[in-house]
Amino acid sequence: MNFYYWVGYHLSRLGGRLFFRFRVIHRERMLQCGPVILAMNHQSYLDPPLAGITCDRAIYFLARRTLLDVPLLGWFLPKLNVIPVNQESVDRSAIRAVIRVLQAGNGVLVFPEGSRTLDGNLQPAEPGLGLVIAKTLAPVVPMRIFGAHEALPRDGGRLRCAPITIVIGEPIFFSAADLEAGGKNLYARLGDRVMKAIGALHLD
């Protein structure tokens, strides 16, 4: 971890405990070394820092490209391993960057749904995750966050001190056999497999 990431990591841990009674269930399932995709549902702006502290090492994050146009954020976010992405269309440059990060043996947080939920429910996976899996065969750790929508919903409102929990699922390992069927729906099938694993995670 660089200095800025280290500070952000520990501030996120402290803030999570103090304001959201943050907890992680099945932390032992996290892959702490080698390439890994952390795939989690997306409820609020709180998701990236809280997902980041489930891992003992620095990971990479995707963030809206427009955030880097903000003077201070444009300087600071790259120091937190942020990969800018254009959410208006399929951003192939961001996908290539994610593939390079994984090929270098790092971890990256991906939100298969692409954007924050409006109602707290799970959304279908966008094709980007399936493409990355097909190109890298990186293992995926499915994760599901609970309570972040109540703490900071997408439709506005003030920040609330609601309890937040992340449940970590068993890693999914892919092989060339998973790509053999091919077809134009390959990326969708891979993404759907991950979303089903996320949907199967519960608090109890």
Protein backbone atom coordinates (compact mmCIF):
# COMPACT_ATOMS: atom_id res chain seq x y z
CA MET A 1 0.00 0.00 0.00
CA ASN A 2 1.19 3.50 -0.73
CA PHE A 3 0.84 6.12 2.00
CA TYR A 4 -2.44 7.59 0.71
CA TYR A 5 -4.06 4.18 0.33
CA TRP A 6 -2.86 3.18 3.81
CA VAL A 7 -4.45 6.30 5.33
CA GLY A 8 -7.70 5.76 3.43
CA TYR A 9 -7.76 2.09 4.39
CA HIS A 10 -7.46 2.78 8.12
CA LEU A 11 -9.87 5.73 8.06
CA SER A 12 -12.42 3.49 6.33
CA ARG A 13 -11.97 0.81 8.99
CA LEU A 14 -12.39 3.37 11.78
CA GLY A 15 -15.39 5.06 10.17
CA GLY A 16 -17.04 1.74 9.43
CA ARG A 17 -16.82 0.66 13.04
CA LEU A 18 -17.84 4.00 14.56
CA PHE A 19 -20.73 4.99 12.29
CA PHE A 20 -22.06 1.83 10.66
CA ARG A 21 -21.20 -0.99 13.08
CA PHE A 22 -19.54 -2.49 10.02
CA ARG A 23 -18.84 -6.21 10.02
CA VAL A 24 -17.61 -8.80 7.55
CA ILE A 25 -19.01 -12.32 7.49
CA HIS A 26 -16.74 -15.11 6.18
CA ARG A 27 -13.67 -12.93 5.79
CA GLU A 28 -11.65 -16.17 5.65
CA ARG A 29 -13.01 -16.75 2.13
CA MET A 30 -11.20 -13.70 0.73
CA LEU A 31 -8.28 -14.44 -1.61
CA GLN A 32 -5.47 -12.33 -0.17
CA CYS A 33 -2.92 -12.94 -2.92
CA GLY A 34 -2.81 -13.39 -6.67
CA PRO A 35 -5.23 -11.99 -9.26
CA VAL A 36 -8.81 -11.77 -8.04
CA ILE A 37 -12.02 -10.01 -8.99
CA LEU A 38 -14.05 -8.85 -6.00
CA ALA A 39 -17.60 -8.77 -7.41
CA MET A 40 -20.16 -7.00 -5.25
CA ASN A 41 -23.64 -5.55 -5.61
CA HIS A 42 -23.73 -1.75 -5.68
CA GLN A 43 -25.91 0.13 -3.20
CA SER A 44 -24.17 3.43 -2.40
CA TYR A 45 -21.01 5.53 -2.49
CA LEU A 46 -20.00 3.77 0.74
CA ASP A 47 -19.47 0.47 -1.08
CA PRO A 48 -15.91 0.92 -2.46
CA PRO A 49 -14.13 1.90 0.79
CA LEU A 50 -15.98 -0.73 2.81
CA ALA A 51 -15.31 -3.44 0.25
CA GLY A 52 -11.67 -2.39 0.20
CA ILE A 53 -11.15 -3.09 3.88
CA THR A 54 -12.27 -6.70 3.50
CA CYS A 55 -8.91 -7.32 1.81
CA ASP A 56 -5.54 -7.10 3.58
CA ARG A 57 -3.78 -5.76 0.49
CA ALA A 58 -4.34 -2.78 -1.77
CA ILE A 59 -6.90 -3.38 -4.50
CA TYR A 60 -8.03 -1.37 -7.52
CA PHE A 61 -11.37 0.36 -7.96
CA LEU A 62 -13.46 1.61 -10.87
CA ALA A 63 -14.87 5.13 -10.58
CA ARG A 64 -16.75 7.50 -12.87
CA ARG A 65 -14.33 9.32 -15.15
CA THR A 66 -16.03 12.67 -14.44
CA LEU A 67 -14.87 12.47 -10.81
CA LEU A 68 -11.30 12.99 -12.01
CA ASP A 69 -12.34 16.33 -13.50
CA VAL A 70 -12.82 17.66 -9.96
CA PRO A 71 -9.49 19.36 -9.12
CA LEU A 72 -8.72 17.75 -5.75
CA LEU A 73 -10.26 14.37 -6.59
CA GLY A 74 -8.44 14.28 -9.91
CA TRP A 75 -5.16 14.37 -8.01
CA PHE A 76 -6.17 12.14 -5.12
CA LEU A 77 -8.19 9.28 -6.63
CA PRO A 78 -5.37 7.80 -8.76
CA LYS A 79 -3.35 7.46 -5.55
CA LEU A 80 -6.15 5.21 -4.25
CA ASN A 81 -5.77 2.86 -7.24
CA VAL A 82 -8.81 4.25 -9.04
CA ILE A 83 -9.36 3.26 -12.67
CA PRO A 84 -11.55 5.86 -14.44
CA VAL A 85 -14.49 4.52 -16.43
CA ASN A 86 -17.02 6.13 -18.76
CA GLN A 87 -20.43 4.93 -17.59
CA GLU A 88 -22.25 6.30 -20.61
CA SER A 89 -21.06 3.46 -22.85
CA VAL A 90 -18.88 0.34 -22.86
CA ASP A 91 -15.48 1.76 -21.89
CA ARG A 92 -12.97 -0.57 -23.53
CA SER A 93 -9.99 1.40 -22.22
CA ALA A 94 -11.19 0.81 -18.63
CA ILE A 95 -11.75 -2.89 -19.38
CA ARG A 96 -8.21 -3.15 -20.78
CA ALA A 97 -6.89 -1.44 -17.65
CA VAL A 98 -8.71 -3.95 -15.42
CA ILE A 99 -7.29 -6.83 -17.46
CA ARG A 100 -3.75 -5.43 -17.04
CA VAL A 101 -4.26 -5.07 -13.29
CA LEU A 102 -5.35 -8.70 -13.02
CA GLN A 103 -2.58 -9.97 -15.26
CA ALA A 104 -0.12 -8.24 -12.94
CA GLY A 105 -1.45 -10.35 -10.05
CA ASN A 106 -3.58 -7.70 -8.34
CA GLY A 107 -7.14 -7.54 -7.04
CA VAL A 108 -9.85 -5.30 -8.45
CA LEU A 109 -13.32 -4.44 -7.16
CA VAL A 110 -16.04 -4.70 -9.81
CA PHE A 111 -19.74 -3.92 -9.54
CA PRO A 112 -21.35 -6.32 -12.07
CA GLU A 113 -24.56 -4.25 -12.12
CA GLY A 114 -22.63 -1.22 -13.32
CA SER A 115 -24.50 1.41 -11.31
CA ARG A 116 -26.02 1.89 -7.87
CA THR A 117 -29.40 0.36 -7.22
CA LEU A 118 -32.38 2.67 -6.83
CA ASP A 119 -34.42 0.37 -4.59
CA GLY A 120 -31.81 -1.77 -2.82
CA ASN A 121 -32.57 -4.84 -4.95
CA LEU A 122 -30.08 -6.70 -7.12
CA GLN A 123 -29.86 -5.76 -10.80
CA PRO A 124 -28.77 -7.85 -13.83
CA ALA A 125 -25.06 -7.98 -14.63
CA GLU A 126 -23.65 -5.81 -17.39
CA PRO A 127 -21.46 -7.62 -19.98
CA GLY A 128 -18.18 -6.05 -18.81
CA LEU A 129 -17.55 -8.50 -15.99
CA GLY A 130 -18.06 -11.52 -18.25
CA LEU A 131 -15.62 -10.07 -20.78
CA VAL A 132 -12.94 -9.60 -18.11
CA ILE A 133 -13.46 -13.15 -16.81
CA ALA A 134 -13.20 -14.57 -20.33
CA LYS A 135 -9.98 -12.67 -21.04
CA THR A 136 -8.22 -13.42 -17.73
CA LEU A 137 -9.90 -16.48 -16.13
CA ALA A 138 -9.26 -14.65 -12.85
CA PRO A 139 -11.06 -16.13 -9.85
CA VAL A 140 -14.05 -14.19 -8.59
CA VAL A 141 -14.95 -13.64 -4.94
CA PRO A 142 -18.70 -12.86 -4.80
CA MET A 143 -19.63 -10.36 -2.11
CA ARG A 144 -22.94 -8.88 -1.01
CA ILE A 145 -23.35 -5.69 0.95
CA PHE A 146 -26.36 -5.12 3.20
CA GLY A 147 -27.42 -1.81 4.76
CA ALA A 148 -25.49 0.62 2.55
CA HIS A 149 -28.68 1.55 0.69
CA GLU A 150 -30.31 2.47 3.99
CA ALA A 151 -27.22 4.42 5.10
CA LEU A 152 -26.80 6.41 1.88
CA PRO A 153 -29.42 5.77 -0.82
CA ARG A 154 -28.90 6.78 -4.41
CA ASP A 155 -32.02 8.94 -4.50
CA GLY A 156 -30.56 11.36 -1.99
CA GLY A 157 -31.21 12.13 1.61
CA ARG A 158 -28.80 12.51 4.49
CA LEU A 159 -26.26 9.98 5.60
CA ARG A 160 -27.69 7.65 8.25
CA CYS A 161 -25.83 5.55 10.81
CA ALA A 162 -27.40 2.28 9.66
CA PRO A 163 -25.56 -1.00 10.31
CA ILE A 164 -23.71 -2.30 7.25
CA THR A 165 -22.53 -5.86 6.66
CA ILE A 166 -20.62 -7.49 3.82
CA VAL A 167 -21.00 -11.23 3.34
CA ILE A 168 -18.19 -12.91 1.38
CA GLY A 169 -18.96 -15.97 -0.70
CA GLU A 170 -16.85 -18.92 -1.75
CA PRO A 171 -14.44 -18.03 -4.58
CA ILE A 172 -15.49 -19.02 -8.09
CA PHE A 173 -12.68 -20.49 -10.19
CA PHE A 174 -12.99 -20.43 -13.96
CA SER A 175 -11.24 -22.56 -16.56
CA ALA A 176 -11.04 -22.81 -20.34
CA ALA A 177 -13.92 -25.30 -20.18
CA ASP A 178 -16.22 -22.46 -19.09
CA LEU A 179 -15.51 -20.68 -22.37
CA GLU A 180 -15.95 -23.65 -24.70
CA ALA A 181 -19.63 -23.09 -25.40
CA GLY A 182 -18.77 -19.61 -26.70
CA GLY A 183 -21.53 -17.77 -28.50
CA LYS A 184 -22.67 -14.20 -28.30
CA ASN A 185 -24.18 -14.79 -24.85
CA LEU A 186 -20.91 -15.98 -23.28
CA TYR A 187 -20.22 -12.77 -21.37
CA ALA A 188 -23.80 -12.59 -20.14
CA ARG A 189 -23.67 -16.21 -18.92
CA LEU A 190 -20.45 -15.60 -17.00
CA GLY A 191 -21.85 -12.43 -15.44
CA ASP A 192 -25.12 -14.16 -14.55
CA ARG A 193 -23.21 -16.95 -12.82
CA VAL A 194 -21.53 -14.39 -10.59
CA MET A 195 -24.78 -12.51 -9.89
CA LYS A 196 -26.46 -15.77 -8.86
CA ALA A 197 -23.62 -16.38 -6.40
CA ILE A 198 -24.08 -12.86 -5.02
CA GLY A 199 -27.83 -13.34 -4.76
CA ALA A 200 -27.33 -16.56 -2.78
CA LEU A 201 -25.51 -14.70 0.00
CA HIS A 202 -27.59 -13.79 3.07
CA LEU A 203 -27.07 -12.43 6.54
CA ASP A 204 -28.23 -15.60 8.29
